[in-house]
C-alpha atoms as a PDB file:
ATOM      1  CA  UNK A   1     -29.952 -83.204 -46.353  1.00  0.00           C
ATOM      2  CA  UNK A   2     -33.427 -83.164 -44.817  1.00  0.00           C
ATOM      3  CA  UNK A   3     -36.636 -81.502 -46.007  1.00  0.00           C
ATOM      4  CA  UNK A   4     -36.095 -78.335 -43.978  1.00  0.00           C
ATOM      5  CA  UNK A   5     -32.591 -77.862 -45.414  1.00  0.00           C
ATOM      6  CA  UNK A   6     -33.814 -78.564 -48.949  1.00  0.00           C
ATOM      7  CA  UNK A   7     -36.644 -76.039 -48.662  1.00  0.00           C
ATOM      8  CA  UNK A   8     -34.075 -73.316 -47.927  1.00  0.00           C
ATOM      9  CA  UNK A   9     -32.514 -73.792 -51.382  1.00  0.00           C
ATOM     10  CA  UNK A  10     -35.636 -74.820 -53.331  1.00  0.00           C
ATOM     11  CA  UNK A  11     -36.317 -71.419 -54.954  1.00  0.00           C
ATOM     12  CA  UNK A  12     -32.695 -71.035 -56.031  1.00  0.00           C
ATOM     13  CA  UNK A  13     -32.769 -74.498 -57.616  1.00  0.00           C
ATOM     14  CA  UNK A  14     -36.170 -73.902 -59.256  1.00  0.00           C
ATOM     15  CA  UNK A  15     -34.815 -70.811 -61.045  1.00  0.00           C
ATOM     16  CA  UNK A  16     -32.088 -72.937 -62.636  1.00  0.00           C
ATOM     17  CA  UNK A  17     -34.325 -75.846 -63.685  1.00  0.00           C
ATOM     18  CA  UNK A  18     -35.808 -74.285 -66.803  1.00  0.00           C
ATOM     19  CA  UNK A  19     -38.912 -76.207 -67.918  1.00  0.00           C
ATOM     20  CA  UNK A  20     -38.845 -78.540 -64.901  1.00  0.00           C
ATOM     21  CA  UNK A  21     -41.070 -77.887 -61.881  1.00  0.00           C
ATOM     22  CA  UNK A  22     -39.857 -78.860 -58.436  1.00  0.00           C
ATOM     23  CA  UNK A  23     -42.600 -80.201 -56.144  1.00  0.00           C
ATOM     24  CA  UNK A  24     -42.117 -81.052 -52.474  1.00  0.00           C
ATOM     25  CA  UNK A  25     -44.740 -82.718 -50.292  1.00  0.00           C
ATOM     26  CA  UNK A  26     -47.183 -83.912 -52.954  1.00  0.00           C
ATOM     27  CA  UNK A  27     -47.230 -86.500 -55.711  1.00  0.00           C
ATOM     28  CA  UNK A  28     -47.967 -84.463 -58.849  1.00  0.00           C
ATOM     29  CA  UNK A  29     -48.540 -86.159 -62.210  1.00  0.00           C
ATOM     30  CA  UNK A  30     -47.896 -83.093 -64.408  1.00  0.00           C
ATOM     31  CA  UNK A  31     -45.295 -83.212 -67.187  1.00  0.00           C
ATOM     32  CA  UNK A  32     -41.737 -82.069 -66.422  1.00  0.00           C
ATOM     33  CA  UNK A  33     -42.041 -82.441 -62.651  1.00  0.00           C
ATOM     34  CA  UNK A  34     -39.389 -83.616 -60.205  1.00  0.00           C
ATOM     35  CA  UNK A  35     -40.554 -84.193 -56.666  1.00  0.00           C
ATOM     36  CA  UNK A  36     -40.440 -85.837 -53.293  1.00  0.00           C
ATOM     37  CA  UNK A  37     -43.203 -86.712 -50.830  1.00  0.00           C
ATOM     38  CA  UNK A  38     -43.873 -88.893 -47.818  1.00  0.00           C
ATOM     39  CA  UNK A  39     -46.342 -91.713 -48.481  1.00  0.00           C
ATOM     40  CA  UNK A  40     -48.149 -92.168 -45.177  1.00  0.00           C
ATOM     41  CA  UNK A  41     -49.706 -95.483 -46.255  1.00  0.00           C
ATOM     42  CA  UNK A  42     -46.365 -97.119 -47.021  1.00  0.00           C
ATOM     43  CA  UNK A  43     -44.398 -95.007 -44.518  1.00  0.00           C
ATOM     44  CA  UNK A  44     -41.775 -94.229 -47.123  1.00  0.00           C
ATOM     45  CA  UNK A  45     -40.284 -91.172 -48.774  1.00  0.00           C
ATOM     46  CA  UNK A  46     -40.647 -91.295 -52.547  1.00  0.00           C
ATOM     47  CA  UNK A  47     -38.631 -89.366 -55.117  1.00  0.00           C
ATOM     48  CA  UNK A  48     -40.145 -89.183 -58.599  1.00  0.00           C
ATOM     49  CA  UNK A  49     -39.644 -87.759 -62.081  1.00  0.00           C
ATOM     50  CA  UNK A  50     -42.336 -87.120 -64.699  1.00  0.00           C
ATOM     51  CA  UNK A  51     -41.246 -86.652 -68.293  1.00  0.00           C
ATOM     52  CA  UNK A  52     -42.930 -84.774 -71.140  1.00  0.00           C
ATOM     53  CA  UNK A  53     -45.168 -87.682 -72.101  1.00  0.00           C
ATOM     54  CA  UNK A  54     -46.768 -88.160 -68.724  1.00  0.00           C
ATOM     55  CA  UNK A  55     -44.524 -91.024 -67.665  1.00  0.00           C
ATOM     56  CA  UNK A  56     -44.439 -91.033 -63.868  1.00  0.00           C
ATOM     57  CA  UNK A  57     -41.452 -92.874 -62.453  1.00  0.00           C
ATOM     58  CA  UNK A  58     -40.592 -93.405 -58.801  1.00  0.00           C
ATOM     59  CA  UNK A  59     -36.795 -93.147 -58.683  1.00  0.00           C
ATOM     60  CA  UNK A  60     -36.368 -93.976 -54.996  1.00  0.00           C
ATOM     61  CA  UNK A  61     -38.446 -95.319 -52.098  1.00  0.00           C
ATOM     62  CA  UNK A  62     -36.838 -95.132 -48.674  1.00  0.00           C
ATOM     63  CA  UNK A  63     -37.664 -94.784 -45.001  1.00  0.00           C
ATOM     64  CA  UNK A  64     -34.798 -92.302 -44.647  1.00  0.00           C
ATOM     65  CA  UNK A  65     -35.685 -88.617 -45.220  1.00  0.00           C
ATOM     66  CA  UNK A  66     -32.070 -87.574 -45.752  1.00  0.00           C
ATOM     67  CA  UNK A  67     -31.501 -90.286 -48.353  1.00  0.00           C
ATOM     68  CA  UNK A  68     -34.617 -89.124 -50.224  1.00  0.00           C
ATOM     69  CA  UNK A  69     -33.578 -85.470 -50.325  1.00  0.00           C
ATOM     70  CA  UNK A  70     -29.991 -86.336 -51.245  1.00  0.00           C
ATOM     71  CA  UNK A  71     -31.333 -88.302 -54.233  1.00  0.00           C
ATOM     72  CA  UNK A  72     -33.691 -85.453 -55.138  1.00  0.00           C
ATOM     73  CA  UNK A  73     -30.812 -82.972 -55.059  1.00  0.00           C
ATOM     74  CA  UNK A  74     -28.744 -85.292 -57.244  1.00  0.00           C
ATOM     75  CA  UNK A  75     -31.540 -85.487 -59.852  1.00  0.00           C
ATOM     76  CA  UNK A  76     -32.062 -81.714 -59.758  1.00  0.00           C
ATOM     77  CA  UNK A  77     -28.339 -81.015 -60.182  1.00  0.00           C
ATOM     78  CA  UNK A  78     -28.221 -83.409 -63.146  1.00  0.00           C
ATOM     79  CA  UNK A  79     -31.081 -81.543 -64.866  1.00  0.00           C
ATOM     80  CA  UNK A  80     -29.510 -78.152 -64.100  1.00  0.00           C
ATOM     81  CA  UNK A  81     -26.273 -79.329 -65.708  1.00  0.00           C
ATOM     82  CA  UNK A  82     -28.202 -80.586 -68.767  1.00  0.00           C
ATOM     83  CA  UNK A  83     -29.993 -77.227 -69.117  1.00  0.00           C
ATOM     84  CA  UNK A  84     -26.660 -75.445 -69.549  1.00  0.00           C
ATOM     85  CA  UNK A  85     -26.299 -76.961 -72.997  1.00  0.00           C
ATOM     86  CA  UNK A  86     -29.798 -76.291 -74.326  1.00  0.00           C
END
């Protein structure tokens, strides 16, 4: 999946994420944020997760856009599944 394909389903996914915010295109340090952006300095796509205590963790760095958005979708689907039981 590439960025354009992901953006088509972003709003649908965001509605299911509960407290989590989905951010595409920027590195945001806010709590409960899952995101993906292209780092122009390193020329890599980065997928990240921020938890409730401000811990910012890069989950994947890759040169491949599709790999980045596949990983992002995997993380989002995991959180959606977890939200079903809260």
